[in-house]
Amino acid sequence: MKIIELYTKEETRNLKMGLAVLGAILLIFLVVLLSRSEIAPKEGGRYYQLYARFNRTDGLQVGDAVRLSGIDVGRVTDATLDDDFKAILKMEVKENVKLPDDSSVAIVSFGIMGKKYLEIEPGGSEEMLESGDEFSYTQDAMVLEELIERIIGIGKAKRQGKKENTENE
């Protein structure tokens, strides 16, 4: 007796549809998993090491890109905590990319829910950062939940202000 004969045509169709959906979900999961892994070999060339200290690095990981003007110029190579529980990120930057010592670095993302990366904003100093130097100016990651809470708080404050104005009139 075949398994298919145990079910009605509608149940068989539902079973096949369920298996197709499950297969699609597994395929999407694999694509996302592979896109997050660092399977590409490291580019050839020479790099120098720089450091940046942040209060929070939410979502940024070792291996994520370091960019300058939208171009990849390096990678995050290590993340540790200092004695004050601040995150210290170690990054490698291509040797031919010379950065003024008053440059800043921020944690940003590719869109609202995108992967995080470091974006360097060059300064105007004539002195350049050397290997082992630390950025003086950093900007922490913006957490989506905090941003939503701020927007809701602003909306509530405006609504509260409107209520008070109409009651006073």
C-alpha atoms as a PDB file:
ATOM      1  CA  MET A   1       0.000   0.000   0.000  1.00  0.00           C
ATOM      2  CA  LYS A   2       1.482   3.352  -1.021  1.00  0.00           C
ATOM      3  CA  ILE A   3       1.667   6.244   1.402  1.00  0.00           C
ATOM      4  CA  ILE A   4      -0.017   8.538  -1.111  1.00  0.00           C
ATOM      5  CA  GLU A   5      -3.075   6.269  -1.135  1.00  0.00           C
ATOM      6  CA  LEU A   6      -3.555   6.894   2.602  1.00  0.00           C
ATOM      7  CA  TYR A   7      -4.393  10.531   1.932  1.00  0.00           C
ATOM      8  CA  THR A   8      -7.011  12.275  -0.118  1.00  0.00           C
ATOM      9  CA  LYS A   9      -5.987  14.320  -3.144  1.00  0.00           C
ATOM     10  CA  GLU A  10      -6.357  17.527  -1.142  1.00  0.00           C
ATOM     11  CA  GLU A  11      -4.204  16.200   1.718  1.00  0.00           C
ATOM     12  CA  THR A  12      -1.583  15.010  -0.780  1.00  0.00           C
ATOM     13  CA  ARG A  13      -1.527  18.435  -2.437  1.00  0.00           C
ATOM     14  CA  ASN A  14      -1.181  20.136   0.967  1.00  0.00           C
ATOM     15  CA  LEU A  15       1.661  17.785   1.910  1.00  0.00           C
ATOM     16  CA  LYS A  16       3.517  18.537  -1.335  1.00  0.00           C
ATOM     17  CA  MET A  17       2.972  22.291  -0.870  1.00  0.00           C
ATOM     18  CA  GLY A  18       4.257  22.083   2.708  1.00  0.00           C
ATOM     19  CA  LEU A  19       7.391  20.241   1.588  1.00  0.00           C
ATOM     20  CA  ALA A  20       7.978  22.815  -1.167  1.00  0.00           C
ATOM     21  CA  VAL A  21       7.661  25.693   1.334  1.00  0.00           C
ATOM     22  CA  LEU A  22       9.998  23.921   3.767  1.00  0.00           C
ATOM     23  CA  GLY A  23      12.523  23.430   0.948  1.00  0.00           C
ATOM     24  CA  ALA A  24      12.308  27.127   0.011  1.00  0.00           C
ATOM     25  CA  ILE A  25      12.848  28.175   3.634  1.00  0.00           C
ATOM     26  CA  LEU A  26      15.910  25.914   3.915  1.00  0.00           C
ATOM     27  CA  LEU A  27      17.301  27.309   0.660  1.00  0.00           C
ATOM     28  CA  ILE A  28      16.875  30.905   1.867  1.00  0.00           C
ATOM     29  CA  PHE A  29      18.508  29.988   5.185  1.00  0.00           C
ATOM     30  CA  LEU A  30      21.512  28.500   3.372  1.00  0.00           C
ATOM     31  CA  VAL A  31      21.876  31.554   1.120  1.00  0.00           C
ATOM     32  CA  VAL A  32      21.817  33.906   4.130  1.00  0.00           C
ATOM     33  CA  LEU A  33      24.253  31.713   6.047  1.00  0.00           C
ATOM     34  CA  LEU A  34      26.715  31.552   3.150  1.00  0.00           C
ATOM     35  CA  SER A  35      26.473  35.288   2.449  1.00  0.00           C
ATOM     36  CA  ARG A  36      27.444  36.058   6.070  1.00  0.00           C
ATOM     37  CA  SER A  37      30.446  33.731   6.116  1.00  0.00           C
ATOM     38  CA  GLU A  38      33.830  34.930   5.003  1.00  0.00           C
ATOM     39  CA  ILE A  39      34.507  32.426   2.225  1.00  0.00           C
ATOM     40  CA  ALA A  40      36.355  34.854  -0.033  1.00  0.00           C
ATOM     41  CA  PRO A  41      40.122  34.774   0.356  1.00  0.00           C
ATOM     42  CA  LYS A  42      41.863  37.854   1.682  1.00  0.00           C
ATOM     43  CA  GLU A  43      43.040  40.233  -1.027  1.00  0.00           C
ATOM     44  CA  GLY A  44      46.735  40.300  -1.676  1.00  0.00           C
ATOM     45  CA  GLY A  45      48.753  43.330  -0.710  1.00  0.00           C
ATOM     46  CA  ARG A  46      50.044  44.990   2.386  1.00  0.00           C
ATOM     47  CA  TYR A  47      48.021  46.384   5.265  1.00  0.00           C
ATOM     48  CA  TYR A  48      48.637  48.406   8.383  1.00  0.00           C
ATOM     49  CA  GLN A  49      46.813  48.086  11.713  1.00  0.00           C
ATOM     50  CA  LEU A  50      44.594  50.767  13.263  1.00  0.00           C
ATOM     51  CA  TYR A  51      42.420  50.765  16.369  1.00  0.00           C
ATOM     52  CA  ALA A  52      39.124  52.393  17.307  1.00  0.00           C
ATOM     53  CA  ARG A  53      37.338  52.468  20.671  1.00  0.00           C
ATOM     54  CA  PHE A  54      33.517  52.341  20.843  1.00  0.00           C
ATOM     55  CA  ASN A  55      30.897  52.257  23.607  1.00  0.00           C
ATOM     56  CA  ARG A  56      28.872  49.736  21.588  1.00  0.00           C
ATOM     57  CA  THR A  57      29.399  47.838  18.350  1.00  0.00           C
ATOM     58  CA  ASP A  58      25.981  46.159  17.978  1.00  0.00           C
ATOM     59  CA  GLY A  59      26.038  43.812  15.007  1.00  0.00           C
ATOM     60  CA  LEU A  60      29.579  44.567  13.835  1.00  0.00           C
ATOM     61  CA  GLN A  61      31.728  41.446  13.626  1.00  0.00           C
ATOM     62  CA  VAL A  62      35.312  40.459  12.982  1.00  0.00           C
ATOM     63  CA  GLY A  63      35.711  40.199   9.211  1.00  0.00           C
ATOM     64  CA  ASP A  64      33.301  43.043   8.397  1.00  0.00           C
ATOM     65  CA  ALA A  65      34.384  45.710   5.921  1.00  0.00           C
ATOM     66  CA  VAL A  66      36.210  48.961   6.558  1.00  0.00           C
ATOM     67  CA  ARG A  67      35.173  51.504   3.910  1.00  0.00           C
ATOM     68  CA  LEU A  68      36.255  54.944   2.781  1.00  0.00           C
ATOM     69  CA  SER A  69      33.984  56.913   0.413  1.00  0.00           C
ATOM     70  CA  GLY A  70      32.014  53.726  -0.237  1.00  0.00           C
ATOM     71  CA  ILE A  71      35.097  51.701  -1.243  1.00  0.00           C
ATOM     72  CA  ASP A  72      36.394  48.716   0.751  1.00  0.00           C
ATOM     73  CA  VAL A  73      39.836  49.595   2.126  1.00  0.00           C
ATOM     74  CA  GLY A  74      40.174  46.968   4.837  1.00  0.00           C
ATOM     75  CA  ARG A  75      38.602  44.588   7.340  1.00  0.00           C
ATOM     76  CA  VAL A  76      37.929  44.372  11.079  1.00  0.00           C
ATOM     77  CA  THR A  77      40.444  41.812  12.379  1.00  0.00           C
ATOM     78  CA  ASP A  78      39.819  41.699  16.137  1.00  0.00           C
ATOM     79  CA  ALA A  79      37.453  42.908  18.861  1.00  0.00           C
ATOM     80  CA  THR A  80      38.326  43.109  22.549  1.00  0.00           C
ATOM     81  CA  LEU A  81      37.201  44.960  25.694  1.00  0.00           C
ATOM     82  CA  ASP A  82      39.275  47.483  27.599  1.00  0.00           C
ATOM     83  CA  ASP A  83      39.282  47.930  31.401  1.00  0.00           C
ATOM     84  CA  ASP A  84      36.289  50.312  31.159  1.00  0.00           C
ATOM     85  CA  PHE A  85      34.282  47.749  29.125  1.00  0.00           C
ATOM     86  CA  LYS A  86      34.586  49.697  25.895  1.00  0.00           C
ATOM     87  CA  ALA A  87      35.022  47.775  22.662  1.00  0.00           C
ATOM     88  CA  ILE A  88      38.394  48.100  20.971  1.00  0.00           C
ATOM     89  CA  LEU A  89      38.275  47.185  17.307  1.00  0.00           C
ATOM     90  CA  LYS A  90      41.451  46.310  15.469  1.00  0.00           C
ATOM     91  CA  MET A  91      41.308  46.813  11.720  1.00  0.00           C
ATOM     92  CA  GLU A  92      43.643  46.417   8.824  1.00  0.00           C
ATOM     93  CA  VAL A  93      43.712  49.149   6.192  1.00  0.00           C
ATOM     94  CA  LYS A  94      45.405  48.909   2.812  1.00  0.00           C
ATOM     95  CA  GLU A  95      48.914  50.327   2.980  1.00  0.00           C
ATOM     96  CA  ASN A  96      48.337  52.704   0.052  1.00  0.00           C
ATOM     97  CA  VAL A  97      45.405  54.385   1.896  1.00  0.00           C
ATOM     98  CA  LYS A  98      46.930  57.162   3.992  1.00  0.00           C
ATOM     99  CA  LEU A  99      44.558  58.664   6.572  1.00  0.00           C
ATOM    100  CA  PRO A 100      44.915  62.038   8.325  1.00  0.00           C
ATOM    101  CA  ASP A 101      45.312  61.646  12.094  1.00  0.00           C
ATOM    102  CA  ASP A 102      42.101  63.608  12.750  1.00  0.00           C
ATOM    103  CA  SER A 103      39.978  61.173  10.716  1.00  0.00           C
ATOM    104  CA  SER A 104      36.882  59.663  12.314  1.00  0.00           C
ATOM    105  CA  VAL A 105      35.315  56.227  12.049  1.00  0.00           C
ATOM    106  CA  ALA A 106      31.644  55.284  12.501  1.00  0.00           C
ATOM    107  CA  ILE A 107      29.712  52.040  12.637  1.00  0.00           C
ATOM    108  CA  VAL A 108      27.038  52.158   9.934  1.00  0.00           C
ATOM    109  CA  SER A 109      24.931  49.615   8.070  1.00  0.00           C
ATOM    110  CA  PHE A 110      23.888  48.758   4.544  1.00  0.00           C
ATOM    111  CA  GLY A 111      20.262  49.927   4.944  1.00  0.00           C
ATOM    112  CA  ILE A 112      17.886  49.525   7.867  1.00  0.00           C
ATOM    113  CA  MET A 113      18.448  45.824   8.486  1.00  0.00           C
ATOM    114  CA  GLY A 114      21.717  45.440   6.589  1.00  0.00           C
ATOM    115  CA  LYS A 115      25.101  44.196   7.641  1.00  0.00           C
ATOM    116  CA  LYS A 116      27.282  46.616   9.639  1.00  0.00           C
ATOM    117  CA  TYR A 117      30.638  48.012   8.565  1.00  0.00           C
ATOM    118  CA  LEU A 118      33.100  50.741   9.544  1.00  0.00           C
ATOM    119  CA  GLU A 119      33.011  53.960   7.512  1.00  0.00           C
ATOM    120  CA  ILE A 120      36.068  56.207   7.720  1.00  0.00           C
ATOM    121  CA  GLU A 121      35.607  59.951   7.292  1.00  0.00           C
ATOM    122  CA  PRO A 122      39.001  61.509   6.474  1.00  0.00           C
ATOM    123  CA  GLY A 123      40.083  64.582   8.396  1.00  0.00           C
ATOM    124  CA  GLY A 124      42.034  67.597   7.192  1.00  0.00           C
ATOM    125  CA  SER A 125      45.283  67.217   9.109  1.00  0.00           C
ATOM    126  CA  GLU A 126      48.606  66.962   7.339  1.00  0.00           C
ATOM    127  CA  GLU A 127      49.815  64.353   9.853  1.00  0.00           C
ATOM    128  CA  MET A 128      48.914  60.758   8.924  1.00  0.00           C
ATOM    129  CA  LEU A 129      47.915  57.806  11.082  1.00  0.00           C
ATOM    130  CA  GLU A 130      50.682  55.240  11.491  1.00  0.00           C
ATOM    131  CA  SER A 131      50.373  51.504  12.037  1.00  0.00           C
ATOM    132  CA  GLY A 132      49.215  50.874  15.621  1.00  0.00           C
ATOM    133  CA  ASP A 133      47.538  54.301  16.022  1.00  0.00           C
ATOM    134  CA  GLU A 134      44.005  54.761  17.344  1.00  0.00           C
ATOM    135  CA  PHE A 135      41.251  56.925  15.882  1.00  0.00           C
ATOM    136  CA  SER A 136      40.506  59.890  18.160  1.00  0.00           C
ATOM    137  CA  TYR A 137      36.946  60.336  16.909  1.00  0.00           C
ATOM    138  CA  THR A 138      34.433  57.478  16.755  1.00  0.00           C
ATOM    139  CA  GLN A 139      30.669  57.138  16.442  1.00  0.00           C
ATOM    140  CA  ASP A 140      28.887  54.139  17.947  1.00  0.00           C
ATOM    141  CA  ALA A 141      26.403  51.921  16.169  1.00  0.00           C
ATOM    142  CA  MET A 142      22.813  53.147  16.052  1.00  0.00           C
ATOM    143  CA  VAL A 143      20.531  50.453  17.426  1.00  0.00           C
ATOM    144  CA  LEU A 144      17.274  50.108  15.480  1.00  0.00           C
ATOM    145  CA  GLU A 145      15.228  49.528  18.635  1.00  0.00           C
ATOM    146  CA  GLU A 146      16.550  52.751  20.199  1.00  0.00           C
ATOM    147  CA  LEU A 147      15.761  54.711  17.050  1.00  0.00           C
ATOM    148  CA  ILE A 148      12.190  53.380  17.020  1.00  0.00           C
ATOM    149  CA  GLU A 149      11.799  54.216  20.727  1.00  0.00           C
ATOM    150  CA  ARG A 150      12.963  57.791  20.050  1.00  0.00           C
ATOM    151  CA  ILE A 151      10.504  58.196  17.178  1.00  0.00           C
ATOM    152  CA  ILE A 152       7.657  56.833  19.324  1.00  0.00           C
ATOM    153  CA  GLY A 153       8.698  59.147  22.179  1.00  0.00           C
ATOM    154  CA  ILE A 154       8.636  62.173  19.877  1.00  0.00           C
ATOM    155  CA  GLY A 155       5.211  61.147  18.578  1.00  0.00           C
ATOM    156  CA  LYS A 156       3.860  60.713  22.115  1.00  0.00           C
ATOM    157  CA  ALA A 157       5.262  64.090  23.173  1.00  0.00           C
ATOM    158  CA  LYS A 158       3.638  65.803  20.182  1.00  0.00           C
ATOM    159  CA  ARG A 159       0.328  64.056  20.848  1.00  0.00           C
ATOM    160  CA  GLN A 160       0.517  65.039  24.539  1.00  0.00           C
ATOM    161  CA  GLY A 161       1.265  68.652  23.530  1.00  0.00           C
ATOM    162  CA  LYS A 162      -1.764  68.734  21.214  1.00  0.00           C
ATOM    163  CA  LYS A 163      -4.014  67.365  23.982  1.00  0.00           C
ATOM    164  CA  GLU A 164      -2.815  70.048  26.417  1.00  0.00           C
ATOM    165  CA  ASN A 165      -3.366  72.814  23.832  1.00  0.00           C
ATOM    166  CA  THR A 166      -6.946  71.723  23.105  1.00  0.00           C
ATOM    167  CA  GLU A 167      -7.754  71.442  26.842  1.00  0.00           C
ATOM    168  CA  ASN A 168      -6.409  74.960  27.528  1.00  0.00           C
ATOM    169  CA  GLU A 169      -8.548  76.546  24.804  1.00  0.00           C
END
